[in-house]
């Protein structure tokens, strides 16, 4: 079969959905049932996966521009016109939109809907993004031959909130890459020195700096830990600046001055596995996630995990992670203390985390996605 994949996010520095698109593209290139993959970028098609970008210098400016009134709709309309005209060339194909909103297409279609956070937490998104999803997502749900979600949680939300027939939605969990695995502190040494970190002596959190990730709550919970724990385990916030992060930055500033919070900014895909593996623990108390890939990556690395007891995160963490109420700061503080000091829990998490993570592979994700393509092409 032939596949068209919207790959515009591969032209940017990769974050969550971008990583999903890249792993999907790489898997489709190798899949025996896929003859050809065509990639649609901003306004043109390409036949190969572009190299990953590490320079995000202009990314915040571009993102801000796209969220301006009229700019986003005009950009989307222009892409739609180009896609409709150019996709007619190259023969019959199934079009997969991996980033929510389908472009105009007359053939078989699949759309991946990663989460519905814009419905639950609209205040945590740029207003133009919320409006774009409010306008476009119901149309996509009506047009798509099939819908894919990353978790059963989001699948059930789509069925219940939008009345989509259960048979039209398939939950396909994401995978974890082989380079996320336990490592010795000696193996991590070179990367740790680059970031000024000491192996086994920091608490890690990996996410974009945005309100939905509840990093402000995490910082508040962390600041209530006994001072000896904070001195021993500084909180390392790893990830690019997102949006509406001013309040978080104000909260972090005094802790950063004292050395209790360290911000690394964006970390390359090459360095990130080492930071996971060398950390004392990983915390991700997000208010809402459609999957929670960093939780899976941390478990695969043999790192004890604390995460939220809501959304899709319990599906990922299972009985290996420590689950807490992300709106209960004292409960998060207690959870962090256990995460960092309870050796019985920590040893079990180090042992069982990689075993659980081994059940989530990109090969399974790609193969099940190709199965959905077969269904819509019948």
Protein backbone atom coordinates (compact mmCIF):
# COMPACT_ATOMS: atom_id res chain seq x y z
CA UNK A 1 0.00 0.00 0.00
CA UNK A 2 0.96 3.65 -0.47
CA UNK A 3 0.84 6.07 2.46
CA UNK A 4 0.75 9.86 2.71
CA UNK A 5 1.97 11.20 6.06
CA UNK A 6 1.71 14.82 7.16
CA UNK A 7 5.26 15.39 8.38
CA UNK A 8 5.45 19.17 8.81
CA UNK A 9 6.53 18.76 12.46
CA UNK A 10 9.65 16.90 11.32
CA UNK A 11 10.91 20.23 9.99
CA UNK A 12 10.94 21.59 13.53
CA UNK A 13 12.80 20.67 16.68
CA UNK A 14 11.14 17.46 17.86
CA UNK A 15 8.91 17.32 20.92
CA UNK A 16 6.19 14.77 21.76
CA UNK A 17 4.10 14.56 18.57
CA UNK A 18 7.17 15.14 16.43
CA UNK A 19 8.84 12.09 17.97
CA UNK A 20 5.70 10.06 17.27
CA UNK A 21 5.72 11.12 13.61
CA UNK A 22 9.42 10.32 13.19
CA UNK A 23 9.13 6.82 14.73
CA UNK A 24 6.00 6.16 12.69
CA UNK A 25 7.74 7.28 9.50
CA UNK A 26 10.81 5.15 10.19
CA UNK A 27 8.62 2.12 10.88
CA UNK A 28 6.52 2.61 7.77
CA UNK A 29 9.69 2.80 5.64
CA UNK A 30 10.63 -0.67 6.89
CA UNK A 31 7.18 -2.29 6.95
CA UNK A 32 6.74 -5.11 4.40
CA UNK A 33 3.13 -4.08 3.60
CA UNK A 34 4.02 -0.46 2.78
CA UNK A 35 5.27 0.14 -0.76
CA UNK A 36 5.81 3.88 -0.61
CA UNK A 37 5.55 6.76 1.85
CA UNK A 38 5.14 10.36 0.71
CA UNK A 39 5.69 13.13 3.25
CA UNK A 40 3.84 16.44 3.16
CA UNK A 41 5.80 19.29 4.67
CA UNK A 42 4.76 22.93 4.85
CA UNK A 43 3.57 23.40 1.27
CA UNK A 44 5.19 20.56 -0.66
CA UNK A 45 5.72 16.81 -0.76
CA UNK A 46 8.98 14.94 -0.18
CA UNK A 47 10.03 11.31 -0.43
CA UNK A 48 12.44 11.05 2.50
CA UNK A 49 12.51 11.70 6.24
CA UNK A 50 14.44 14.90 7.00
CA UNK A 51 17.30 14.92 9.48
CA UNK A 52 16.29 15.83 13.03
CA UNK A 53 16.70 19.51 13.84
CA UNK A 54 18.59 20.56 16.95
CA UNK A 55 18.53 24.32 16.40
CA UNK A 56 15.32 25.75 17.83
CA UNK A 57 16.47 29.37 17.80
CA UNK A 58 13.46 30.68 15.87
CA UNK A 59 10.92 28.13 17.11
CA UNK A 60 9.30 30.29 19.85
CA UNK A 61 8.84 33.15 17.37
CA UNK A 62 7.27 30.85 14.75
CA UNK A 63 4.98 29.27 17.32
CA UNK A 64 3.84 32.65 18.59
CA UNK A 65 3.14 33.84 15.05
CA UNK A 66 1.01 30.79 14.27
CA UNK A 67 -1.13 31.45 17.35
CA UNK A 68 -2.01 35.00 16.25
CA UNK A 69 -5.62 35.56 15.08
CA UNK A 70 -5.92 35.13 11.28
CA UNK A 71 -2.33 33.89 10.89
CA UNK A 72 -3.17 30.34 11.97
CA UNK A 73 -6.32 30.05 9.82
CA UNK A 74 -4.56 31.54 6.77
CA UNK A 75 -1.60 29.20 7.20
CA UNK A 76 -3.94 26.20 7.56
CA UNK A 77 -6.01 27.20 4.55
CA UNK A 78 -2.92 27.63 2.38
CA UNK A 79 -1.59 24.21 3.41
CA UNK A 80 -4.99 22.67 2.67
CA UNK A 81 -5.08 24.11 -0.85
CA UNK A 82 -1.55 22.87 -1.60
CA UNK A 83 -2.25 19.45 -0.14
CA UNK A 84 -5.49 18.99 -2.07
CA UNK A 85 -3.79 19.92 -5.36
CA UNK A 86 -0.54 17.99 -4.88
CA UNK A 87 -1.91 14.83 -3.25
CA UNK A 88 -3.79 13.96 -6.45
CA UNK A 89 -0.43 13.09 -8.02
CA UNK A 90 1.35 9.88 -7.17
CA UNK A 91 -1.46 7.33 -7.22
CA UNK A 92 -3.95 6.00 -4.68
CA UNK A 93 -2.82 6.18 -1.06
CA UNK A 94 -4.14 6.23 2.48
CA UNK A 95 -3.56 9.63 4.10
CA UNK A 96 -2.61 9.58 7.79
CA UNK A 97 -2.80 12.83 9.71
CA UNK A 98 -0.71 12.25 12.86
CA UNK A 99 -1.47 15.68 14.36
CA UNK A 100 -5.23 15.87 14.94
CA UNK A 101 -6.74 17.80 12.01
CA UNK A 102 -7.21 16.27 8.56
CA UNK A 103 -6.29 18.24 5.48
CA UNK A 104 -8.70 18.06 2.49
CA UNK A 105 -8.43 14.65 0.82
CA UNK A 106 -10.82 12.52 -1.20
CA UNK A 107 -9.25 9.12 -0.49
CA UNK A 108 -9.11 6.90 2.63
CA UNK A 109 -8.05 8.76 5.77
CA UNK A 110 -6.77 8.08 9.29
CA UNK A 111 -6.26 10.72 11.99
CA UNK A 112 -4.43 10.41 15.30
CA UNK A 113 -5.97 12.35 18.19
CA UNK A 114 -3.44 12.39 21.01
CA UNK A 115 -5.56 13.98 23.72
CA UNK A 116 -8.50 16.28 24.45
CA UNK A 117 -6.70 18.61 26.83
CA UNK A 118 -8.07 21.67 25.02
CA UNK A 119 -11.53 20.68 26.31
CA UNK A 120 -10.49 20.06 29.91
CA UNK A 121 -7.90 22.82 30.31
CA UNK A 122 -8.53 25.50 27.66
CA UNK A 123 -6.90 28.06 29.96
CA UNK A 124 -3.61 26.23 29.55
CA UNK A 125 -3.51 26.59 25.76
CA UNK A 126 -3.12 29.58 23.45
CA UNK A 127 -6.65 30.74 22.61
CA UNK A 128 -6.17 30.39 18.85
CA UNK A 129 -5.16 26.75 19.28
CA UNK A 130 -8.33 26.07 21.27
CA UNK A 131 -10.46 27.73 18.60
CA UNK A 132 -8.70 25.79 15.85
CA UNK A 133 -9.42 22.47 17.57
CA UNK A 134 -12.99 23.47 18.42
CA UNK A 135 -13.59 24.21 14.74
CA UNK A 136 -11.61 21.42 13.18
CA UNK A 137 -11.77 18.38 15.43
CA UNK A 138 -15.50 17.61 15.05
CA UNK A 139 -15.06 17.81 11.26
CA UNK A 140 -12.07 15.49 11.40
CA UNK A 141 -13.99 13.00 13.51
CA UNK A 142 -16.82 13.02 11.01
CA UNK A 143 -14.59 12.74 7.91
CA UNK A 144 -11.94 10.27 9.02
CA UNK A 145 -12.22 6.69 7.90
CA UNK A 146 -10.73 5.74 11.26
CA UNK A 147 -9.38 7.47 14.36
CA UNK A 148 -6.32 6.45 16.36
CA UNK A 149 -5.54 7.39 19.97
CA UNK A 150 -2.48 6.74 22.10
CA UNK A 151 -4.45 5.30 25.02
CA UNK A 152 -7.72 3.64 25.97
CA UNK A 153 -8.43 6.66 28.17
CA UNK A 154 -8.55 9.07 25.21
CA UNK A 155 -10.41 6.51 23.09
CA UNK A 156 -13.18 6.32 25.70
CA UNK A 157 -13.31 10.13 25.89
CA UNK A 158 -13.82 10.42 22.12
CA UNK A 159 -16.58 7.81 22.16
CA UNK A 160 -18.40 9.31 25.13
CA UNK A 161 -17.97 13.03 24.45
CA UNK A 162 -18.34 13.08 20.67
CA UNK A 163 -20.58 10.08 20.09
CA UNK A 164 -18.11 8.41 17.73
CA UNK A 165 -18.90 4.74 17.13
CA UNK A 166 -16.49 2.59 19.19
CA UNK A 167 -15.57 0.57 16.11
CA UNK A 168 -14.18 3.70 14.43
CA UNK A 169 -11.58 4.39 17.13
CA UNK A 170 -8.52 2.26 17.94
CA UNK A 171 -6.15 2.82 20.86
CA UNK A 172 -2.54 2.12 19.83
CA UNK A 173 0.02 2.72 22.60
CA UNK A 174 3.28 4.41 21.74
CA UNK A 175 6.65 2.70 22.03
CA UNK A 176 9.93 3.28 23.77
CA UNK A 177 13.22 3.31 21.91
CA UNK A 178 15.98 0.78 22.69
CA UNK A 179 18.41 3.51 23.77
CA UNK A 180 16.33 4.02 26.93
CA UNK A 181 17.71 1.34 29.23
CA UNK A 182 19.56 1.13 32.55
CA UNK A 183 23.14 2.39 32.49
CA UNK A 184 25.97 2.59 34.99
CA UNK A 185 27.00 5.95 36.39
CA UNK A 186 30.33 5.54 34.61
CA UNK A 187 28.54 5.24 31.26
CA UNK A 188 26.61 8.44 32.02
CA UNK A 189 29.63 10.40 33.23
CA UNK A 190 30.44 12.41 30.11
CA UNK A 191 26.85 13.61 29.64
CA UNK A 192 26.44 14.42 33.34
CA UNK A 193 29.59 16.56 33.31
CA UNK A 194 28.22 18.49 30.36
CA UNK A 195 25.18 19.50 32.41
CA UNK A 196 26.98 19.87 35.72
CA UNK A 197 25.06 17.00 37.35
CA UNK A 198 26.09 14.24 39.75
CA UNK A 199 24.91 10.70 39.06
CA UNK A 200 22.19 9.45 41.40
CA UNK A 201 21.96 12.87 43.04
CA UNK A 202 19.09 14.65 41.29
CA UNK A 203 15.33 14.41 40.72
CA UNK A 204 14.38 14.67 37.04
CA UNK A 205 11.31 16.01 35.25
CA UNK A 206 11.07 16.07 31.45
CA UNK A 207 8.44 18.17 29.68
CA UNK A 208 7.79 21.43 27.91
CA UNK A 209 7.39 24.30 30.36
CA UNK A 210 3.63 24.76 30.14
CA UNK A 211 0.84 24.85 32.73
CA UNK A 212 -0.80 21.51 31.87
CA UNK A 213 2.36 19.71 32.95
CA UNK A 214 1.82 20.98 36.52
CA UNK A 215 5.45 21.91 36.98
CA UNK A 216 4.47 24.74 39.28
CA UNK A 217 2.73 22.20 41.53
CA UNK A 218 5.80 19.97 41.35
CA UNK A 219 8.07 22.85 42.37
CA UNK A 220 5.75 23.72 45.26
CA UNK A 221 5.70 20.10 46.42
CA UNK A 222 9.46 19.83 46.07
CA UNK A 223 10.03 23.04 48.06
CA UNK A 224 8.22 21.42 51.04
CA UNK A 225 10.66 18.52 51.23
CA UNK A 226 13.10 18.51 54.15
CA UNK A 227 16.09 20.70 53.36
CA UNK A 228 18.54 17.80 53.56
CA UNK A 229 16.64 16.00 50.77
CA UNK A 230 16.57 19.12 48.59
CA UNK A 231 20.30 19.64 49.08
CA UNK A 232 21.01 16.04 48.18
CA UNK A 233 18.59 15.86 45.24
CA UNK A 234 18.17 19.12 43.28
CA UNK A 235 15.17 19.17 40.95
CA UNK A 236 16.24 19.19 37.29
CA UNK A 237 13.66 20.59 34.87
CA UNK A 238 14.44 19.45 31.34
CA UNK A 239 12.51 20.68 28.34
CA UNK A 240 11.91 23.63 26.04
CA UNK A 241 10.02 26.73 27.05
CA UNK A 242 6.36 26.34 26.15
CA UNK A 243 3.69 28.93 26.79
CA UNK A 244 2.13 30.67 29.79
CA UNK A 245 5.23 29.79 31.80
CA UNK A 246 5.83 33.17 33.46
CA UNK A 247 4.34 32.11 36.81
CA UNK A 248 6.49 28.98 36.86
CA UNK A 249 9.63 30.97 36.12
CA UNK A 250 8.86 33.34 39.01
CA UNK A 251 8.36 30.37 41.35
CA UNK A 252 11.57 28.69 40.19
CA UNK A 253 13.82 31.77 40.39
CA UNK A 254 14.69 31.72 44.14
CA UNK A 255 15.17 27.93 44.12
CA UNK A 256 17.41 28.24 41.08
CA UNK A 257 19.55 30.83 42.86
CA UNK A 258 20.03 28.43 45.78
CA UNK A 259 20.89 25.55 43.45
CA UNK A 260 17.85 23.49 44.43
CA UNK A 261 16.30 23.74 40.95
CA UNK A 262 18.34 23.39 37.76
CA UNK A 263 16.88 24.18 34.31
CA UNK A 264 18.66 22.55 31.38
CA UNK A 265 16.37 23.78 28.59
CA UNK A 266 15.93 21.51 25.59
CA UNK A 267 18.07 18.35 25.74
CA UNK A 268 19.04 16.44 22.62
CA UNK A 269 17.71 12.96 21.92
CA UNK A 270 21.28 11.67 22.26
CA UNK A 271 21.76 13.04 25.79
CA UNK A 272 18.31 12.45 27.26
CA UNK A 273 18.60 8.66 27.89
CA UNK A 274 21.69 9.27 30.03
CA UNK A 275 19.92 11.91 32.13
CA UNK A 276 17.04 9.51 32.78
CA UNK A 277 19.30 6.62 33.71
CA UNK A 278 21.52 8.61 36.09
CA UNK A 279 18.67 10.31 37.96
CA UNK A 280 17.57 9.28 41.45
CA UNK A 281 13.93 9.50 40.43
CA UNK A 282 11.55 10.90 37.84
CA UNK A 283 8.45 13.02 38.51
CA UNK A 284 5.64 13.84 36.08
CA UNK A 285 2.54 15.05 37.98
CA UNK A 286 0.74 16.31 34.86
CA UNK A 287 -2.91 17.33 35.10
CA UNK A 288 -3.69 15.50 31.87
CA UNK A 289 -1.84 13.35 29.33
CA UNK A 290 -2.97 11.41 26.30
CA UNK A 291 -0.16 8.92 26.89
CA UNK A 292 2.87 10.06 28.90
CA UNK A 293 5.94 9.01 26.91
CA UNK A 294 8.48 10.42 29.42
CA UNK A 295 7.03 8.12 32.11
CA UNK A 296 7.62 5.14 29.83
CA UNK A 297 11.14 6.31 28.98
CA UNK A 298 12.00 6.71 32.66
CA UNK A 299 10.72 3.23 33.52
CA UNK A 300 12.67 1.73 30.62
CA UNK A 301 15.77 3.44 32.03
CA UNK A 302 15.30 1.73 35.39
CA UNK A 303 14.39 5.00 37.11
CA UNK A 304 11.76 5.07 39.90
CA UNK A 305 8.73 7.11 38.77
CA UNK A 306 6.10 9.27 40.44
CA UNK A 307 3.24 10.38 38.22
CA UNK A 308 -0.43 11.40 38.27
CA UNK A 309 -3.30 9.12 39.13
CA UNK A 310 -5.44 10.48 36.29
CA UNK A 311 -5.77 10.53 32.52
CA UNK A 312 -3.78 7.92 30.64
CA UNK A 313 -0.82 7.92 33.02
CA UNK A 314 -1.97 4.92 35.11
CA UNK A 315 -2.17 2.91 31.85
CA UNK A 316 1.51 3.57 31.27
CA UNK A 317 2.83 3.34 34.82
CA UNK A 318 0.75 0.31 35.83
CA UNK A 319 1.62 -0.92 39.32
CA UNK A 320 5.28 0.06 38.92
CA UNK A 321 4.93 3.84 39.26
CA UNK A 322 3.93 5.79 42.34
CA UNK A 323 0.58 7.48 41.58
CA UNK A 324 -0.46 10.75 43.26
CA UNK A 325 -3.23 13.35 43.00
CA UNK A 326 -1.66 16.20 40.99
CA UNK A 327 -3.87 18.77 42.73
CA UNK A 328 -2.83 17.66 46.24
CA UNK A 329 0.51 19.33 46.94
CA UNK A 330 1.08 17.64 50.35
CA UNK A 331 0.39 14.26 48.74
CA UNK A 332 2.93 15.06 46.03
CA UNK A 333 5.50 16.05 48.66
CA UNK A 334 4.96 12.75 50.45
CA UNK A 335 5.24 10.96 47.14
CA UNK A 336 8.51 12.68 46.28
CA UNK A 337 9.99 11.79 49.65
CA UNK A 338 9.04 8.15 49.16
CA UNK A 339 10.33 8.21 45.59
CA UNK A 340 13.74 9.41 46.75
CA UNK A 341 14.18 7.60 50.08
CA UNK A 342 12.08 4.40 50.22
CA UNK A 343 14.66 1.81 49.15
CA UNK A 344 12.15 -1.05 49.06
CA UNK A 345 9.98 0.85 46.57
CA UNK A 346 13.01 2.09 44.65
CA UNK A 347 14.53 -1.35 44.22
CA UNK A 348 11.25 -2.80 42.96
CA UNK A 349 10.80 0.14 40.56
CA UNK A 350 14.34 -0.28 39.19
CA UNK A 351 13.70 -3.98 38.63
CA UNK A 352 10.13 -3.91 37.31
CA UNK A 353 10.22 -0.67 35.30
CA UNK A 354 12.27 -2.02 32.37
CA UNK A 355 10.16 -5.19 32.31
CA UNK A 356 6.93 -3.23 31.99
CA UNK A 357 8.37 -0.82 29.44
CA UNK A 358 9.51 -3.74 27.28
CA UNK A 359 5.85 -4.36 26.40
CA UNK A 360 5.64 -0.99 24.61
CA UNK A 361 7.51 -1.00 21.30
CA UNK A 362 7.42 1.18 18.19
CA UNK A 363 7.29 -1.99 16.10
CA UNK A 364 3.96 -2.91 17.68
CA UNK A 365 2.72 0.66 17.30
CA UNK A 366 3.59 0.78 13.60
CA UNK A 367 2.24 -2.69 12.84
CA UNK A 368 -1.10 -1.95 14.48
CA UNK A 369 -1.27 1.39 12.64
CA UNK A 370 -0.72 -0.39 9.31
CA UNK A 371 -3.58 -2.69 10.33
CA UNK A 372 -5.81 0.39 10.59
CA UNK A 373 -4.69 1.45 7.10
CA UNK A 374 -5.82 -1.92 5.78
CA UNK A 375 -9.25 -1.44 7.32
CA UNK A 376 -9.88 1.96 5.74
CA UNK A 377 -8.64 0.82 2.31
CA UNK A 378 -11.13 -2.05 2.05
